[in-house]
Amino acid sequence: MKKTITIISIFAMLISSQVMARCNPELISFGSSVKEVANKFDDKFLFPPDIPEDIPMVPVFVPGEMVCKDEKAFKGAGLEFIFFSGELVEIKIDKISESATLLSWAENLYGVKKDKPMSFFLDRPKAEWRWNKFNSTISYSIQPDIDNQLTESVIIQSARHKKLFEEYGEIEDKALGEETNE
């Protein structure tokens, strides 16, 4: 009897963890090319066919429902795949809603944050925090919108592509320097 209860408990935990974290955009591997990411989706017209190598950063916008069809938190959300030098380095998810739906999804996937800022618990929350994982850093932010809605953002950045982030930062700094000199 005790053995049966143990087996059932383990099985229930496995099923519930799969249901809670059924959608993980990070399953699209960081370092993938635009073409490799496009091949994961039915609608390839959202992705540029060929990107010239002299373009350092390319954002590709995709509706949340297209990335995670069965995930309620992604309904109405927008995802942005960001490529530096032709490699996927960042995934950004934005959503405007009445409650912290992206937070529930993120905590199911990355773990519940126990030390949330006090500003998160206000009627009009404004807060941000991070999860540091082995392959990525995940940032979450929430702030009030003008219509008593909430704007949530989850940014997932590759930890393996730190050099590309630095190179892109240098390109941006140089471009900003040139603009101020004109």
N, C-alpha and C. Protein backbone atom coordinates (compact mmCIF):
# COMPACT_ATOMS: atom_id res chain seq x y z
N MET A 1 0.83 -1.20 0.00
CA MET A 1 0.00 0.00 0.00
C MET A 1 0.87 1.27 0.00
N LYS A 2 1.89 1.27 0.86
CA LYS A 2 2.77 2.42 0.97
C LYS A 2 3.53 2.63 -0.35
N LYS A 3 3.93 1.53 -0.97
CA LYS A 3 4.65 1.60 -2.25
C LYS A 3 3.75 2.18 -3.34
N THR A 4 2.48 1.78 -3.35
CA THR A 4 1.53 2.27 -4.34
C THR A 4 1.30 3.78 -4.17
N ILE A 5 1.18 4.25 -2.95
CA ILE A 5 0.98 5.68 -2.69
C ILE A 5 2.20 6.47 -3.14
N THR A 6 3.39 5.94 -2.89
CA THR A 6 4.63 6.61 -3.30
C THR A 6 4.69 6.72 -4.82
N ILE A 7 4.37 5.64 -5.52
CA ILE A 7 4.40 5.64 -6.98
C ILE A 7 3.36 6.63 -7.53
N ILE A 8 2.17 6.64 -6.97
CA ILE A 8 1.13 7.57 -7.41
C ILE A 8 1.56 9.01 -7.16
N SER A 9 2.18 9.29 -6.02
CA SER A 9 2.65 10.64 -5.69
C SER A 9 3.70 11.11 -6.68
N ILE A 10 4.65 10.26 -7.00
CA ILE A 10 5.70 10.61 -7.95
C ILE A 10 5.08 10.86 -9.33
N PHE A 11 4.18 10.01 -9.75
CA PHE A 11 3.51 10.17 -11.04
C PHE A 11 2.72 11.49 -11.10
N ALA A 12 2.01 11.82 -10.02
CA ALA A 12 1.23 13.06 -9.97
C ALA A 12 2.14 14.28 -10.05
N MET A 13 3.30 14.23 -9.38
CA MET A 13 4.24 15.34 -9.43
C MET A 13 4.79 15.53 -10.84
N LEU A 14 5.09 14.43 -11.51
CA LEU A 14 5.61 14.52 -12.88
C LEU A 14 4.57 15.14 -13.82
N ILE A 15 3.34 14.69 -13.70
CA ILE A 15 2.27 15.22 -14.56
C ILE A 15 2.03 16.69 -14.26
N SER A 16 1.95 17.07 -12.99
CA SER A 16 1.67 18.48 -12.66
C SER A 16 2.81 19.38 -13.10
N SER A 17 4.05 18.95 -13.00
CA SER A 17 5.15 19.81 -13.43
C SER A 17 5.14 19.97 -14.95
N GLN A 18 4.73 18.94 -15.68
CA GLN A 18 4.64 19.06 -17.14
C GLN A 18 3.49 19.97 -17.54
N VAL A 19 2.38 19.92 -16.83
CA VAL A 19 1.24 20.76 -17.15
C VAL A 19 1.57 22.22 -16.84
N MET A 20 2.20 22.47 -15.68
CA MET A 20 2.48 23.84 -15.28
C MET A 20 3.47 24.52 -16.22
N ALA A 21 4.46 23.80 -16.67
CA ALA A 21 5.50 24.40 -17.50
C ALA A 21 5.45 23.83 -18.91
N ARG A 22 4.27 23.80 -19.48
CA ARG A 22 4.12 23.18 -20.79
C ARG A 22 4.68 24.03 -21.92
N CYS A 23 4.91 25.30 -21.69
CA CYS A 23 5.41 26.16 -22.75
C CYS A 23 6.68 26.85 -22.30
N ASN A 24 7.76 26.55 -22.97
CA ASN A 24 9.04 27.17 -22.65
C ASN A 24 9.68 27.67 -23.94
N PRO A 25 9.63 28.99 -24.20
CA PRO A 25 10.23 29.51 -25.43
C PRO A 25 11.72 29.19 -25.55
N GLU A 26 12.38 28.93 -24.41
CA GLU A 26 13.81 28.61 -24.46
C GLU A 26 14.08 27.26 -25.13
N LEU A 27 13.03 26.49 -25.41
CA LEU A 27 13.24 25.24 -26.14
C LEU A 27 13.70 25.53 -27.57
N ILE A 28 13.47 26.77 -28.02
CA ILE A 28 14.07 27.22 -29.27
C ILE A 28 15.48 27.67 -28.87
N SER A 29 16.45 26.95 -29.27
CA SER A 29 17.81 27.11 -28.75
C SER A 29 18.43 28.46 -29.06
N PHE A 30 19.02 29.05 -28.01
CA PHE A 30 19.82 30.24 -28.23
C PHE A 30 20.97 29.88 -29.15
N GLY A 31 21.31 30.80 -30.04
CA GLY A 31 22.36 30.54 -31.03
C GLY A 31 21.77 30.10 -32.36
N SER A 32 20.46 29.79 -32.39
CA SER A 32 19.81 29.38 -33.63
C SER A 32 19.77 30.56 -34.61
N SER A 33 19.78 30.24 -35.89
CA SER A 33 19.67 31.27 -36.92
C SER A 33 18.19 31.63 -37.10
N VAL A 34 17.93 32.74 -37.80
CA VAL A 34 16.55 33.14 -38.10
C VAL A 34 15.84 32.02 -38.83
N LYS A 35 16.51 31.40 -39.79
CA LYS A 35 15.90 30.32 -40.58
C LYS A 35 15.56 29.12 -39.68
N GLU A 36 16.45 28.78 -38.75
CA GLU A 36 16.18 27.66 -37.85
C GLU A 36 14.98 27.95 -36.95
N VAL A 37 14.87 29.18 -36.47
CA VAL A 37 13.72 29.55 -35.64
C VAL A 37 12.45 29.57 -36.48
N ALA A 38 12.52 30.11 -37.69
CA ALA A 38 11.35 30.16 -38.58
C ALA A 38 10.81 28.77 -38.86
N ASN A 39 11.69 27.78 -38.97
CA ASN A 39 11.26 26.41 -39.25
C ASN A 39 10.43 25.80 -38.13
N LYS A 40 10.43 26.42 -36.94
CA LYS A 40 9.64 25.92 -35.81
C LYS A 40 8.17 26.35 -35.92
N PHE A 41 7.87 27.26 -36.85
CA PHE A 41 6.53 27.82 -36.94
C PHE A 41 5.90 27.54 -38.30
N ASP A 42 4.55 27.48 -38.30
CA ASP A 42 3.81 27.25 -39.54
C ASP A 42 3.87 28.47 -40.47
N ASP A 43 3.78 29.67 -39.88
CA ASP A 43 3.74 30.90 -40.67
C ASP A 43 5.15 31.48 -40.80
N LYS A 44 5.86 31.08 -41.82
CA LYS A 44 7.24 31.51 -42.01
C LYS A 44 7.33 32.93 -42.58
N PHE A 45 6.19 33.50 -42.99
CA PHE A 45 6.19 34.85 -43.54
C PHE A 45 6.50 35.91 -42.49
N LEU A 46 6.39 35.54 -41.21
CA LEU A 46 6.72 36.48 -40.14
C LEU A 46 8.23 36.72 -40.06
N PHE A 47 9.00 35.82 -40.64
CA PHE A 47 10.45 35.89 -40.53
C PHE A 47 11.06 36.39 -41.83
N PRO A 48 12.05 37.28 -41.73
CA PRO A 48 12.71 37.75 -42.96
C PRO A 48 13.44 36.59 -43.63
N PRO A 49 13.35 36.49 -44.97
CA PRO A 49 13.95 35.35 -45.67
C PRO A 49 15.48 35.32 -45.56
N ASP A 50 16.13 36.41 -45.84
CA ASP A 50 17.59 36.47 -45.75
C ASP A 50 17.98 37.78 -45.09
N ILE A 51 18.88 37.70 -44.16
CA ILE A 51 19.32 38.89 -43.46
C ILE A 51 20.76 39.18 -43.86
N PRO A 52 21.02 40.37 -44.39
CA PRO A 52 22.40 40.71 -44.73
C PRO A 52 23.29 40.67 -43.49
N GLU A 53 24.50 40.21 -43.65
CA GLU A 53 25.38 40.05 -42.50
C GLU A 53 25.81 41.36 -41.87
N ASP A 54 25.65 42.49 -42.58
CA ASP A 54 26.07 43.76 -42.00
C ASP A 54 25.01 44.37 -41.07
N ILE A 55 23.88 43.70 -40.90
CA ILE A 55 22.86 44.16 -39.95
C ILE A 55 23.15 43.46 -38.62
N PRO A 56 23.56 44.23 -37.59
CA PRO A 56 23.99 43.61 -36.34
C PRO A 56 22.86 43.06 -35.47
N MET A 57 21.64 43.67 -35.56
CA MET A 57 20.54 43.23 -34.70
C MET A 57 19.26 43.15 -35.52
N VAL A 58 18.57 42.02 -35.37
CA VAL A 58 17.31 41.83 -36.09
C VAL A 58 16.26 41.36 -35.08
N PRO A 59 15.18 42.14 -34.90
CA PRO A 59 14.07 41.68 -34.07
C PRO A 59 13.00 41.04 -34.96
N VAL A 60 12.41 39.96 -34.48
CA VAL A 60 11.32 39.31 -35.21
C VAL A 60 10.15 39.17 -34.23
N PHE A 61 9.01 39.76 -34.59
CA PHE A 61 7.83 39.77 -33.73
C PHE A 61 6.89 38.63 -34.12
N VAL A 62 6.39 37.93 -33.09
CA VAL A 62 5.51 36.78 -33.31
C VAL A 62 4.39 36.83 -32.27
N PRO A 63 3.14 36.60 -32.67
CA PRO A 63 2.05 36.55 -31.68
C PRO A 63 2.27 35.41 -30.68
N GLY A 64 1.97 35.68 -29.42
CA GLY A 64 2.17 34.69 -28.36
C GLY A 64 1.45 33.38 -28.61
N GLU A 65 0.23 33.46 -29.17
CA GLU A 65 -0.55 32.25 -29.44
C GLU A 65 0.15 31.35 -30.46
N MET A 66 0.97 31.95 -31.30
CA MET A 66 1.67 31.16 -32.31
C MET A 66 2.83 30.38 -31.69
N VAL A 67 3.40 30.92 -30.64
CA VAL A 67 4.54 30.27 -29.99
C VAL A 67 4.05 29.21 -29.00
N CYS A 68 3.03 29.56 -28.24
CA CYS A 68 2.50 28.66 -27.20
C CYS A 68 0.99 28.62 -27.32
N LYS A 69 0.50 27.76 -28.19
CA LYS A 69 -0.94 27.70 -28.50
C LYS A 69 -1.81 27.39 -27.29
N ASP A 70 -1.35 26.53 -26.41
CA ASP A 70 -2.18 26.08 -25.30
C ASP A 70 -1.92 26.83 -24.00
N GLU A 71 -1.06 27.82 -24.02
CA GLU A 71 -0.71 28.56 -22.80
C GLU A 71 -1.57 29.82 -22.71
N LYS A 72 -2.48 29.87 -21.73
CA LYS A 72 -3.39 31.00 -21.60
C LYS A 72 -2.64 32.31 -21.37
N ALA A 73 -1.52 32.27 -20.67
CA ALA A 73 -0.75 33.49 -20.39
C ALA A 73 -0.24 34.14 -21.67
N PHE A 74 -0.10 33.38 -22.74
CA PHE A 74 0.44 33.92 -23.99
C PHE A 74 -0.64 34.47 -24.92
N LYS A 75 -1.91 34.28 -24.55
CA LYS A 75 -2.99 34.82 -25.36
C LYS A 75 -2.95 36.34 -25.27
N GLY A 76 -2.82 36.99 -26.42
CA GLY A 76 -2.73 38.44 -26.46
C GLY A 76 -1.33 38.99 -26.20
N ALA A 77 -0.38 38.11 -25.95
CA ALA A 77 1.00 38.55 -25.72
C ALA A 77 1.75 38.65 -27.04
N GLY A 78 2.79 39.42 -27.03
CA GLY A 78 3.67 39.51 -28.19
C GLY A 78 5.05 39.00 -27.81
N LEU A 79 5.65 38.22 -28.70
CA LEU A 79 7.00 37.74 -28.47
C LEU A 79 7.92 38.37 -29.50
N GLU A 80 9.10 38.69 -29.05
CA GLU A 80 10.11 39.27 -29.93
C GLU A 80 11.36 38.40 -29.80
N PHE A 81 11.74 37.79 -30.91
CA PHE A 81 12.98 37.04 -30.97
C PHE A 81 14.05 38.01 -31.44
N ILE A 82 15.13 38.14 -30.70
CA ILE A 82 16.17 39.10 -31.05
C ILE A 82 17.43 38.34 -31.44
N PHE A 83 17.92 38.68 -32.61
CA PHE A 83 19.12 38.04 -33.17
C PHE A 83 20.24 39.07 -33.25
N PHE A 84 21.41 38.72 -32.73
CA PHE A 84 22.62 39.52 -32.92
C PHE A 84 23.52 38.72 -33.83
N SER A 85 24.02 39.35 -34.87
CA SER A 85 24.92 38.71 -35.83
C SER A 85 24.35 37.38 -36.31
N GLY A 86 23.03 37.35 -36.51
CA GLY A 86 22.37 36.17 -37.06
C GLY A 86 22.08 35.06 -36.07
N GLU A 87 22.34 35.28 -34.76
CA GLU A 87 22.10 34.24 -33.75
C GLU A 87 21.05 34.70 -32.75
N LEU A 88 20.14 33.80 -32.38
CA LEU A 88 19.13 34.10 -31.37
C LEU A 88 19.82 34.28 -30.02
N VAL A 89 19.63 35.47 -29.41
CA VAL A 89 20.27 35.75 -28.13
C VAL A 89 19.28 36.18 -27.05
N GLU A 90 18.05 36.55 -27.47
CA GLU A 90 17.09 37.07 -26.49
C GLU A 90 15.67 36.80 -26.96
N ILE A 91 14.80 36.52 -26.00
CA ILE A 91 13.37 36.36 -26.26
C ILE A 91 12.66 37.30 -25.29
N LYS A 92 11.82 38.17 -25.83
CA LYS A 92 11.10 39.13 -25.00
C LYS A 92 9.61 38.88 -25.17
N ILE A 93 8.90 38.82 -24.04
CA ILE A 93 7.46 38.58 -24.04
C ILE A 93 6.80 39.77 -23.36
N ASP A 94 5.86 40.41 -24.04
CA ASP A 94 5.13 41.55 -23.48
C ASP A 94 3.64 41.28 -23.52
N LYS A 95 2.96 41.75 -22.46
CA LYS A 95 1.51 41.56 -22.42
C LYS A 95 0.86 42.65 -21.58
N ILE A 96 -0.29 43.10 -22.02
CA ILE A 96 -1.11 44.02 -21.24
C ILE A 96 -2.35 43.23 -20.82
N SER A 97 -2.62 43.21 -19.52
CA SER A 97 -3.76 42.44 -19.02
C SER A 97 -4.24 43.02 -17.70
N GLU A 98 -5.25 42.39 -17.11
CA GLU A 98 -5.81 42.86 -15.85
C GLU A 98 -5.13 42.24 -14.63
N SER A 99 -4.38 41.16 -14.84
CA SER A 99 -3.71 40.50 -13.72
C SER A 99 -2.34 40.02 -14.18
N ALA A 100 -1.54 39.59 -13.24
CA ALA A 100 -0.16 39.18 -13.52
C ALA A 100 -0.11 37.76 -14.10
N THR A 101 -0.60 37.60 -15.31
CA THR A 101 -0.66 36.27 -15.92
C THR A 101 0.71 35.77 -16.38
N LEU A 102 1.55 36.66 -16.89
CA LEU A 102 2.90 36.22 -17.28
C LEU A 102 3.72 35.83 -16.07
N LEU A 103 3.48 36.49 -14.94
CA LEU A 103 4.20 36.13 -13.72
C LEU A 103 3.87 34.70 -13.31
N SER A 104 2.60 34.33 -13.35
CA SER A 104 2.22 32.96 -12.98
C SER A 104 2.94 31.96 -13.87
N TRP A 105 2.96 32.24 -15.17
CA TRP A 105 3.66 31.36 -16.11
C TRP A 105 5.16 31.30 -15.78
N ALA A 106 5.78 32.47 -15.58
CA ALA A 106 7.23 32.52 -15.32
C ALA A 106 7.58 31.80 -14.02
N GLU A 107 6.77 31.99 -12.97
CA GLU A 107 7.07 31.32 -11.70
C GLU A 107 6.88 29.81 -11.80
N ASN A 108 5.95 29.35 -12.61
CA ASN A 108 5.80 27.92 -12.83
C ASN A 108 7.02 27.34 -13.53
N LEU A 109 7.64 28.14 -14.37
CA LEU A 109 8.78 27.67 -15.14
C LEU A 109 10.12 27.87 -14.42
N TYR A 110 10.29 29.03 -13.79
CA TYR A 110 11.59 29.40 -13.21
C TYR A 110 11.65 29.37 -11.69
N GLY A 111 10.50 29.23 -11.06
CA GLY A 111 10.47 29.18 -9.60
C GLY A 111 9.83 30.42 -9.01
N VAL A 112 9.16 30.26 -7.88
CA VAL A 112 8.48 31.36 -7.22
C VAL A 112 9.51 32.25 -6.53
N LYS A 113 9.41 33.55 -6.76
CA LYS A 113 10.28 34.51 -6.09
C LYS A 113 9.69 34.80 -4.72
N LYS A 114 10.44 34.50 -3.68
CA LYS A 114 9.93 34.68 -2.33
C LYS A 114 10.14 36.11 -1.82
N ASP A 115 11.12 36.81 -2.36
CA ASP A 115 11.46 38.15 -1.87
C ASP A 115 11.04 39.24 -2.86
N LYS A 116 9.78 39.20 -3.24
CA LYS A 116 9.26 40.21 -4.18
C LYS A 116 9.30 41.59 -3.51
N PRO A 117 9.56 42.63 -4.29
CA PRO A 117 9.55 43.99 -3.72
C PRO A 117 8.15 44.34 -3.21
N MET A 118 8.10 45.16 -2.18
CA MET A 118 6.81 45.57 -1.60
C MET A 118 5.93 46.29 -2.63
N SER A 119 6.56 46.98 -3.58
CA SER A 119 5.80 47.71 -4.60
C SER A 119 4.99 46.76 -5.49
N PHE A 120 5.33 45.47 -5.49
CA PHE A 120 4.57 44.50 -6.26
C PHE A 120 3.16 44.29 -5.69
N PHE A 121 3.02 44.48 -4.38
CA PHE A 121 1.77 44.18 -3.70
C PHE A 121 0.81 45.37 -3.64
N LEU A 122 1.17 46.49 -4.25
CA LEU A 122 0.30 47.66 -4.28
C LEU A 122 -0.86 47.44 -5.25
N ASP A 123 -1.89 48.28 -5.15
CA ASP A 123 -3.02 48.18 -6.07
C ASP A 123 -2.57 48.34 -7.52
N ARG A 124 -1.60 49.22 -7.74
CA ARG A 124 -1.03 49.43 -9.07
C ARG A 124 0.45 49.05 -8.98
N PRO A 125 0.73 47.75 -9.10
CA PRO A 125 2.09 47.27 -8.87
C PRO A 125 3.11 47.79 -9.88
N LYS A 126 4.31 48.03 -9.36
CA LYS A 126 5.44 48.42 -10.21
C LYS A 126 6.66 47.76 -9.59
N ALA A 127 7.18 46.75 -10.28
CA ALA A 127 8.29 46.00 -9.70
C ALA A 127 9.04 45.26 -10.79
N GLU A 128 10.23 44.81 -10.45
CA GLU A 128 11.00 43.96 -11.36
C GLU A 128 11.97 43.10 -10.55
N TRP A 129 12.32 41.96 -11.11
CA TRP A 129 13.30 41.07 -10.51
C TRP A 129 13.82 40.11 -11.56
N ARG A 130 14.81 39.29 -11.14
CA ARG A 130 15.47 38.37 -12.08
C ARG A 130 15.60 36.97 -11.48
N TRP A 131 15.72 36.03 -12.42
CA TRP A 131 16.12 34.67 -12.11
C TRP A 131 17.43 34.45 -12.88
N ASN A 132 18.44 33.96 -12.22
CA ASN A 132 19.68 33.61 -12.91
C ASN A 132 19.75 32.09 -13.00
N LYS A 133 19.70 31.60 -14.21
CA LYS A 133 19.79 30.17 -14.47
C LYS A 133 21.10 29.87 -15.18
N PHE A 134 21.40 28.62 -15.38
CA PHE A 134 22.68 28.23 -15.97
C PHE A 134 22.86 28.81 -17.37
N ASN A 135 21.86 28.67 -18.24
CA ASN A 135 21.99 29.12 -19.63
C ASN A 135 21.38 30.48 -19.92
N SER A 136 20.68 31.07 -18.94
CA SER A 136 19.99 32.32 -19.23
C SER A 136 19.75 33.14 -17.97
N THR A 137 19.47 34.41 -18.21
CA THR A 137 19.01 35.31 -17.17
C THR A 137 17.61 35.75 -17.59
N ILE A 138 16.67 35.64 -16.66
CA ILE A 138 15.28 35.97 -16.95
C ILE A 138 14.90 37.17 -16.11
N SER A 139 14.41 38.22 -16.76
CA SER A 139 13.97 39.43 -16.07
C SER A 139 12.45 39.54 -16.19
N TYR A 140 11.81 39.90 -15.09
CA TYR A 140 10.37 40.11 -15.09
C TYR A 140 10.10 41.53 -14.61
N SER A 141 9.17 42.22 -15.27
CA SER A 141 8.75 43.54 -14.79
C SER A 141 7.25 43.67 -14.96
N ILE A 142 6.68 44.47 -14.07
CA ILE A 142 5.24 44.76 -14.11
C ILE A 142 5.07 46.23 -13.74
N GLN A 143 4.17 46.89 -14.45
CA GLN A 143 3.85 48.28 -14.12
C GLN A 143 2.44 48.60 -14.56
N PRO A 144 1.82 49.60 -13.91
CA PRO A 144 0.45 49.95 -14.28
C PRO A 144 0.41 50.64 -15.63
N ASP A 145 -0.70 50.43 -16.31
CA ASP A 145 -0.96 51.07 -17.59
C ASP A 145 -2.00 52.16 -17.34
N ILE A 146 -2.29 52.97 -18.34
CA ILE A 146 -3.21 54.09 -18.15
C ILE A 146 -4.66 53.68 -17.93
N ASP A 147 -5.08 52.53 -18.39
CA ASP A 147 -6.46 52.09 -18.28
C ASP A 147 -6.68 51.06 -17.17
N ASN A 148 -5.97 51.22 -16.06
CA ASN A 148 -6.03 50.26 -14.95
C ASN A 148 -5.67 48.85 -15.39
N GLN A 149 -4.92 48.75 -16.45
CA GLN A 149 -4.37 47.48 -16.91
C GLN A 149 -2.95 47.37 -16.37
N LEU A 150 -2.35 46.21 -16.55
CA LEU A 150 -0.96 45.99 -16.16
C LEU A 150 -0.13 45.65 -17.39
N THR A 151 1.05 46.20 -17.47
CA THR A 151 1.98 45.85 -18.54
C THR A 151 3.04 44.96 -17.93
N GLU A 152 3.12 43.74 -18.44
CA GLU A 152 4.13 42.78 -17.97
C GLU A 152 5.15 42.52 -19.06
N SER A 153 6.36 42.25 -18.64
CA SER A 153 7.42 41.92 -19.59
C SER A 153 8.32 40.84 -18.99
N VAL A 154 8.63 39.86 -19.80
CA VAL A 154 9.61 38.83 -19.43
C VAL A 154 10.68 38.85 -20.51
N ILE A 155 11.92 39.03 -20.10
CA ILE A 155 13.04 39.03 -21.04
C ILE A 155 13.96 37.87 -20.68
N ILE A 156 14.19 37.01 -21.64
CA ILE A 156 15.06 35.84 -21.44
C ILE A 156 16.30 36.07 -22.29
N GLN A 157 17.45 36.22 -21.64
CA GLN A 157 18.70 36.48 -22.36
C GLN A 157 19.64 35.29 -22.21
N SER A 158 20.28 34.96 -23.30
CA SER A 158 21.25 33.88 -23.30
C SER A 158 22.48 34.26 -22.49
N ALA A 159 22.90 33.37 -21.61
CA ALA A 159 24.13 33.60 -20.84
C ALA A 159 25.36 33.26 -21.68
N ARG A 160 25.18 32.41 -22.69
CA ARG A 160 26.31 31.99 -23.53
C ARG A 160 26.72 33.03 -24.56
N HIS A 161 25.90 34.04 -24.79
CA HIS A 161 26.17 35.01 -25.85
C HIS A 161 26.52 36.39 -25.30
N LYS A 162 27.16 36.41 -24.14
CA LYS A 162 27.54 37.67 -23.51
C LYS A 162 28.42 38.52 -24.43
N LYS A 163 29.31 37.89 -25.16
CA LYS A 163 30.20 38.61 -26.07
C LYS A 163 29.42 39.33 -27.17
N LEU A 164 28.38 38.69 -27.71
CA LEU A 164 27.55 39.33 -28.73
C LEU A 164 26.79 40.53 -28.15
N PHE A 165 26.32 40.43 -26.90
CA PHE A 165 25.66 41.57 -26.26
C PHE A 165 26.66 42.73 -26.13
N GLU A 166 27.88 42.42 -25.73
CA GLU A 166 28.90 43.47 -25.58
C GLU A 166 29.23 44.10 -26.93
N GLU A 167 29.37 43.28 -27.97
CA GLU A 167 29.68 43.81 -29.31
C GLU A 167 28.54 44.70 -29.81
N TYR A 168 27.30 44.26 -29.58
CA TYR A 168 26.16 45.07 -30.02
C TYR A 168 26.10 46.38 -29.23
N GLY A 169 26.41 46.32 -27.94
CA GLY A 169 26.44 47.53 -27.11
C GLY A 169 27.46 48.53 -27.63
N GLU A 170 28.62 48.03 -28.05
CA GLU A 170 29.65 48.91 -28.62
C GLU A 170 29.16 49.54 -29.93
N ILE A 171 28.48 48.78 -30.75
CA ILE A 171 27.93 49.31 -32.01
C ILE A 171 26.91 50.42 -31.70
N GLU A 172 26.03 50.17 -30.73
CA GLU A 172 25.03 51.16 -30.34
C GLU A 172 25.69 52.42 -29.77
N ASP A 173 26.69 52.24 -28.90
CA ASP A 173 27.40 53.38 -28.33
C ASP A 173 28.05 54.22 -29.42
N LYS A 174 28.66 53.55 -30.38
CA LYS A 174 29.31 54.25 -31.49
C LYS A 174 28.28 55.02 -32.31
N ALA A 175 27.14 54.40 -32.60
CA ALA A 175 26.09 55.06 -33.37
C ALA A 175 25.54 56.26 -32.62
N LEU A 176 25.36 56.14 -31.31
CA LEU A 176 24.87 57.27 -30.51
C LEU A 176 25.89 58.40 -30.48
N GLY A 177 27.16 58.05 -30.41
CA GLY A 177 28.23 59.05 -30.42
C GLY A 177 28.25 59.82 -31.73
N GLU A 178 28.03 59.11 -32.83
CA GLU A 178 28.00 59.76 -34.14
C GLU A 178 26.80 60.68 -34.27
N GLU A 179 25.65 60.28 -33.69
CA GLU A 179 24.45 61.12 -33.74
C GLU A 179 24.64 62.41 -32.97
N THR A 180 25.29 62.35 -31.80
CA THR A 180 25.47 63.55 -30.99
C THR A 180 26.51 64.48 -31.57
N ASN A 181 27.41 63.95 -32.40
CA ASN A 181 28.43 64.77 -33.02
C ASN A 181 27.91 65.51 -34.26
N GLU A 182 26.78 65.10 -34.78
CA GLU A 182 26.24 65.72 -36.00
C GLU A 182 25.54 67.02 -35.71
